[in-house]
Amino acid sequence: MSPLPSTVPGIVRTRVRAALRRPDRTPRTTPLTPEETERRALLLRLISLLLQYPDADLAAARPVLTASVEALPPSPAAEHLAEFTVWFAGQETDALERHYVERFDLCRRSGLHLTYYLHGDTRRRGMALLTLAQRYRAAGWDTDGGELPDHLPVVLEFAALAGPGRGEAPLRQHRRGIELIHRALTDAGSPYRHVLAALIALLPPPTGADLRAVAELAAEGPPNEDVGLDPYGTYGAGEFAPPGAFVPPDQAPPALVPPSAAHRQEDR
């Protein structure tokens, strides 16, 4: 990958270069050429960046992100990202922030915390978060602790770092949740649907069972547990609990703190 130009804002240089410096200790099982692997990792990193909260620094990096997308070799994923960056580049920062909060922090069916869609507000979610954190540490990667380990941009960065085999395993495991997020964004007419579509284009095609499970999840919501979940709060029947309201169960380690999205909402 060619060096990042000096005009790239510091936040992007830090996020991308730090990722590139981390060793890839996960053996790859997918028969990709080095060029294909590098190209795939770049796509995953771009998707991760575009799904992060569009603060002033990330908004300032839009020209470089747009140019990076335009330089991608033709592919379905690149086409979807190009569709998104046209909108992304033309919005005011305040409008971007509002749209992001509305779609990902406040909308129950398009939050970016993947274990919620698989486990809902049950004790299994705490264990799933712990398992993800352990997977990252085993690969020699430490997150900065700013988000839960199931936050989609975090999962995407790990996939880019660790490679198409074990690195992308969490994405494949949570494919149904990713499909549901894409469906919710599409129903809402959000341009972020293009970013999710780019990710889906990199994943194996959904099976019939996947599609049936997504339809059921959209209709009924994730699993729920009535006993011992007072810290999670009370929500209406059949509603999705906002991801920002999640409090890990007792067995989760102290490092798994609520997502920074909740703090953004308090600050607004």
Protein backbone atom coordinates (compact mmCIF):
# COMPACT_ATOMS: atom_id res chain seq x y z
CA MET A 1 0.00 0.00 0.00
CA SER A 2 1.42 3.38 -0.91
CA PRO A 3 2.22 5.82 1.93
CA LEU A 4 -0.59 8.06 3.06
CA PRO A 5 -0.13 11.62 1.77
CA SER A 6 0.83 14.29 4.27
CA THR A 7 -2.49 16.01 3.61
CA VAL A 8 -4.38 13.20 5.35
CA PRO A 9 -5.68 14.55 8.67
CA GLY A 10 -3.97 13.18 11.75
CA ILE A 11 -6.94 11.13 12.93
CA VAL A 12 -6.96 9.10 9.71
CA ARG A 13 -3.18 8.69 9.65
CA THR A 14 -3.30 7.48 13.24
CA ARG A 15 -6.13 5.01 12.67
CA VAL A 16 -4.82 3.56 9.43
CA ARG A 17 -1.07 3.59 10.10
CA ALA A 18 -1.45 2.15 13.59
CA ALA A 19 -3.50 -0.66 12.09
CA LEU A 20 -0.82 -1.34 9.48
CA ARG A 21 1.95 -1.47 12.09
CA ARG A 22 0.23 -4.18 14.12
CA PRO A 23 1.48 -7.67 13.28
CA ASP A 24 -0.86 -10.09 11.56
CA ARG A 25 -0.50 -13.22 13.67
CA THR A 26 -3.53 -15.03 12.33
CA PRO A 27 -2.87 -17.65 9.64
CA ARG A 28 -4.91 -17.12 6.48
CA THR A 29 -6.94 -19.98 5.10
CA THR A 30 -8.46 -18.18 2.10
CA PRO A 31 -6.39 -18.67 -1.09
CA LEU A 32 -5.98 -14.99 -1.95
CA THR A 33 -2.94 -13.44 -3.55
CA PRO A 34 -1.05 -10.85 -1.47
CA GLU A 35 -2.49 -8.11 -3.68
CA GLU A 36 -6.05 -9.39 -3.19
CA THR A 37 -5.55 -9.67 0.56
CA GLU A 38 -4.21 -6.10 0.73
CA ARG A 39 -7.07 -4.80 -1.38
CA ARG A 40 -9.63 -6.57 0.80
CA ALA A 41 -8.03 -5.19 3.97
CA LEU A 42 -8.18 -1.67 2.54
CA LEU A 43 -11.88 -2.08 1.76
CA LEU A 44 -12.57 -3.27 5.30
CA ARG A 45 -10.62 -0.36 6.79
CA LEU A 46 -12.49 2.15 4.65
CA ILE A 47 -15.83 0.63 5.67
CA SER A 48 -14.73 0.78 9.31
CA LEU A 49 -13.78 4.46 9.02
CA LEU A 50 -16.99 5.39 7.23
CA LEU A 51 -19.07 3.71 9.95
CA GLN A 52 -17.41 5.65 12.74
CA TYR A 53 -18.96 8.71 14.35
CA PRO A 54 -18.40 11.62 11.93
CA ASP A 55 -16.73 14.05 14.31
CA ALA A 56 -14.94 17.14 13.04
CA ASP A 57 -11.69 15.28 12.38
CA LEU A 58 -13.31 12.53 10.34
CA ALA A 59 -15.44 15.08 8.49
CA ALA A 60 -12.29 17.01 7.60
CA ALA A 61 -10.83 13.83 6.11
CA ARG A 62 -13.68 13.43 3.62
CA PRO A 63 -11.72 14.59 0.57
CA VAL A 64 -9.01 12.00 1.25
CA LEU A 65 -11.53 9.25 2.00
CA THR A 66 -13.42 10.09 -1.20
CA ALA A 67 -10.20 10.02 -3.22
CA SER A 68 -9.27 6.66 -1.63
CA VAL A 69 -12.62 5.19 -2.64
CA GLU A 70 -12.32 6.57 -6.16
CA ALA A 71 -8.89 4.93 -6.50
CA LEU A 72 -10.21 1.46 -5.63
CA PRO A 73 -10.25 -1.16 -8.40
CA PRO A 74 -13.77 -1.72 -9.77
CA SER A 75 -15.89 -4.04 -7.63
CA PRO A 76 -19.42 -4.12 -6.21
CA ALA A 77 -18.09 -3.02 -2.81
CA ALA A 78 -16.22 -0.08 -4.36
CA GLU A 79 -19.36 0.99 -6.25
CA HIS A 80 -21.41 1.03 -3.04
CA LEU A 81 -18.75 3.07 -1.22
CA ALA A 82 -18.62 5.54 -4.10
CA GLU A 83 -22.40 6.01 -3.82
CA PHE A 84 -22.03 6.77 -0.11
CA THR A 85 -19.11 9.18 -0.40
CA VAL A 86 -21.03 11.36 -2.87
CA TRP A 87 -23.54 12.02 -0.10
CA PHE A 88 -20.97 12.03 2.71
CA ALA A 89 -18.83 14.68 1.04
CA GLY A 90 -21.74 17.05 0.50
CA GLN A 91 -23.13 17.23 4.04
CA GLU A 92 -22.43 19.76 6.80
CA THR A 93 -20.70 18.25 9.83
CA ASP A 94 -23.65 18.97 12.12
CA ALA A 95 -26.01 17.26 9.71
CA LEU A 96 -23.74 14.23 9.50
CA GLU A 97 -23.58 13.97 13.28
CA ARG A 98 -27.36 14.23 13.65
CA HIS A 99 -27.99 11.62 10.98
CA TYR A 100 -25.47 9.23 12.54
CA VAL A 101 -26.99 9.55 16.03
CA GLU A 102 -30.52 9.11 14.67
CA ARG A 103 -29.66 6.01 12.67
CA PHE A 104 -27.14 4.21 14.88
CA ASP A 105 -27.50 5.51 18.44
CA LEU A 106 -31.26 6.01 18.66
CA CYS A 107 -32.72 3.54 16.16
CA ARG A 108 -33.16 0.17 17.82
CA ARG A 109 -32.97 -1.84 14.60
CA SER A 110 -29.80 -0.37 13.15
CA GLY A 111 -27.42 -0.16 16.10
CA LEU A 112 -23.87 -1.24 15.37
CA HIS A 113 -23.38 -3.67 18.28
CA LEU A 114 -23.50 -7.07 16.64
CA THR A 115 -23.90 -9.40 19.63
CA TYR A 116 -27.20 -7.69 20.44
CA TYR A 117 -28.85 -9.13 17.34
CA LEU A 118 -27.61 -12.64 18.08
CA HIS A 119 -28.14 -12.74 21.85
CA GLY A 120 -30.36 -9.78 22.76
CA ASP A 121 -30.48 -8.81 26.42
CA THR A 122 -29.42 -12.19 27.78
CA ARG A 123 -26.47 -13.44 29.79
CA ARG A 124 -25.09 -15.01 26.62
CA ARG A 125 -24.34 -11.56 25.26
CA GLY A 126 -21.89 -10.85 28.06
CA MET A 127 -20.05 -14.07 27.31
CA ALA A 128 -20.05 -13.27 23.58
CA LEU A 129 -18.43 -9.90 24.32
CA LEU A 130 -15.82 -11.57 26.48
CA THR A 131 -15.10 -14.14 23.76
CA LEU A 132 -14.58 -11.37 21.20
CA ALA A 133 -12.20 -9.50 23.50
CA GLN A 134 -10.24 -12.70 24.09
CA ARG A 135 -10.05 -13.33 20.32
CA TYR A 136 -8.54 -9.89 19.81
CA ARG A 137 -5.96 -10.37 22.56
CA ALA A 138 -5.02 -13.82 21.26
CA ALA A 139 -4.25 -12.24 17.88
CA GLY A 140 -1.99 -9.69 19.55
CA TRP A 141 -4.40 -6.78 19.12
CA ASP A 142 -5.57 -4.46 21.88
CA THR A 143 -8.46 -2.09 21.23
CA ASP A 144 -8.39 1.38 22.73
CA GLY A 145 -11.36 0.56 24.98
CA GLY A 146 -13.50 3.34 23.52
CA GLU A 147 -16.15 0.95 22.22
CA LEU A 148 -17.40 -2.50 23.08
CA PRO A 149 -15.63 -5.26 21.13
CA ASP A 150 -18.76 -6.04 19.11
CA HIS A 151 -19.03 -2.49 17.70
CA LEU A 152 -19.03 -3.04 13.94
CA PRO A 153 -16.17 -0.62 13.13
CA VAL A 154 -14.02 -2.44 15.72
CA VAL A 155 -14.91 -5.84 14.27
CA LEU A 156 -14.08 -4.54 10.79
CA GLU A 157 -10.68 -3.23 11.82
CA PHE A 158 -9.84 -6.58 13.39
CA ALA A 159 -10.91 -8.36 10.20
CA ALA A 160 -8.62 -6.09 8.17
CA LEU A 161 -5.70 -6.72 10.50
CA ALA A 162 -6.05 -10.44 11.09
CA GLY A 163 -6.90 -11.52 7.56
CA PRO A 164 -9.72 -13.26 5.69
CA GLY A 165 -9.66 -16.46 7.77
CA ARG A 166 -10.00 -16.09 11.53
CA GLY A 167 -10.02 -12.31 11.28
CA GLU A 168 -13.29 -12.25 9.36
CA ALA A 169 -14.88 -15.05 11.39
CA PRO A 170 -16.81 -12.61 13.65
CA LEU A 171 -18.28 -10.93 10.57
CA ARG A 172 -19.43 -14.28 9.21
CA GLN A 173 -20.81 -15.27 12.61
CA HIS A 174 -22.88 -12.07 12.80
CA ARG A 175 -23.93 -12.01 9.17
CA ARG A 176 -27.63 -12.06 10.05
CA GLY A 177 -27.25 -9.00 12.26
CA ILE A 178 -25.39 -7.20 9.48
CA GLU A 179 -28.22 -8.08 7.07
CA LEU A 180 -30.76 -6.70 9.53
CA ILE A 181 -28.85 -3.42 9.94
CA HIS A 182 -28.71 -3.08 6.15
CA ARG A 183 -32.43 -3.77 5.87
CA ALA A 184 -33.26 -1.17 8.53
CA LEU A 185 -31.05 1.47 6.87
CA THR A 186 -32.60 0.69 3.50
CA ASP A 187 -36.12 0.98 4.89
CA ALA A 188 -35.16 4.35 6.42
CA GLY A 189 -33.60 5.57 3.17
CA SER A 190 -30.28 6.23 4.90
CA PRO A 191 -27.21 6.63 2.68
CA TYR A 192 -25.38 4.44 5.17
CA ARG A 193 -27.16 1.53 3.52
CA HIS A 194 -24.48 1.74 0.82
CA VAL A 195 -21.71 1.17 3.38
CA LEU A 196 -23.46 -1.93 4.72
CA ALA A 197 -24.06 -3.08 1.15
CA ALA A 198 -20.31 -2.78 0.51
CA LEU A 199 -19.62 -4.99 3.51
CA ILE A 200 -22.25 -7.54 2.49
CA ALA A 201 -20.64 -7.71 -0.96
CA LEU A 202 -17.47 -9.02 0.74
CA LEU A 203 -19.27 -11.74 2.71
CA PRO A 204 -20.45 -15.17 1.54
CA PRO A 205 -23.97 -15.07 0.04
CA PRO A 206 -26.76 -15.54 2.60
CA THR A 207 -28.42 -18.92 2.81
CA GLY A 208 -32.15 -19.44 2.83
CA ALA A 209 -31.91 -20.06 6.57
CA ASP A 210 -30.10 -16.71 6.97
CA LEU A 211 -32.84 -14.85 5.14
CA ARG A 212 -35.59 -16.55 7.16
CA ALA A 213 -33.77 -15.75 10.40
CA VAL A 214 -33.38 -12.10 9.39
CA ALA A 215 -37.09 -11.85 8.62
CA GLU A 216 -37.94 -13.41 11.99
CA LEU A 217 -35.49 -11.13 13.79
CA ALA A 218 -36.96 -8.08 12.08
CA ALA A 219 -40.45 -9.10 13.15
CA GLU A 220 -39.80 -10.29 16.69
CA GLY A 221 -36.54 -8.72 17.83
CA PRO A 222 -33.59 -10.42 19.53
CA PRO A 223 -33.89 -12.88 22.42
CA ASN A 224 -34.92 -11.48 25.78
CA GLU A 225 -34.45 -12.69 29.33
CA ASP A 226 -36.83 -11.72 32.11
CA VAL A 227 -34.79 -12.77 35.15
CA GLY A 228 -31.79 -10.95 36.54
CA LEU A 229 -31.65 -8.18 33.96
CA ASP A 230 -32.67 -5.11 35.97
CA PRO A 231 -29.51 -3.20 34.91
CA TYR A 232 -30.67 -3.37 31.30
CA GLY A 233 -33.77 -1.27 31.92
CA THR A 234 -37.36 -1.94 30.86
CA TYR A 235 -38.62 -1.56 27.31
CA GLY A 236 -41.95 -2.01 25.61
CA ALA A 237 -43.07 -5.44 24.46
CA GLY A 238 -41.27 -6.51 21.31
CA GLU A 239 -39.02 -3.43 21.21
CA PHE A 240 -35.29 -3.48 20.65
CA ALA A 241 -33.38 -1.99 23.56
CA PRO A 242 -31.09 0.85 22.43
CA PRO A 243 -27.52 -0.47 22.16
CA GLY A 244 -26.22 2.48 24.16
CA ALA A 245 -28.28 1.31 27.14
CA PHE A 246 -26.47 -2.00 27.44
CA VAL A 247 -24.72 -2.80 30.73
CA PRO A 248 -22.61 -5.99 30.62
CA PRO A 249 -23.64 -8.75 33.05
CA ASP A 250 -21.54 -9.54 36.09
CA GLN A 251 -19.32 -12.07 34.34
CA ALA A 252 -18.09 -9.50 31.81
CA PRO A 253 -14.73 -7.88 32.68
CA PRO A 254 -14.64 -4.25 33.86
CA ALA A 255 -12.94 -3.19 30.60
CA LEU A 256 -16.17 -3.74 28.67
CA VAL A 257 -17.73 -0.34 29.31
CA PRO A 258 -20.86 1.09 27.69
CA PRO A 259 -20.22 2.48 24.18
CA SER A 260 -19.14 6.07 23.73
CA ALA A 261 -22.34 6.64 21.78
CA ALA A 262 -24.14 7.04 25.09
CA HIS A 263 -21.76 9.82 26.08
CA ARG A 264 -22.34 11.54 22.75
CA GLN A 265 -26.06 11.60 23.41
CA GLU A 266 -25.51 13.10 26.89
CA ASP A 267 -23.24 15.78 25.47
CA ARG A 268 -25.67 16.88 22.78
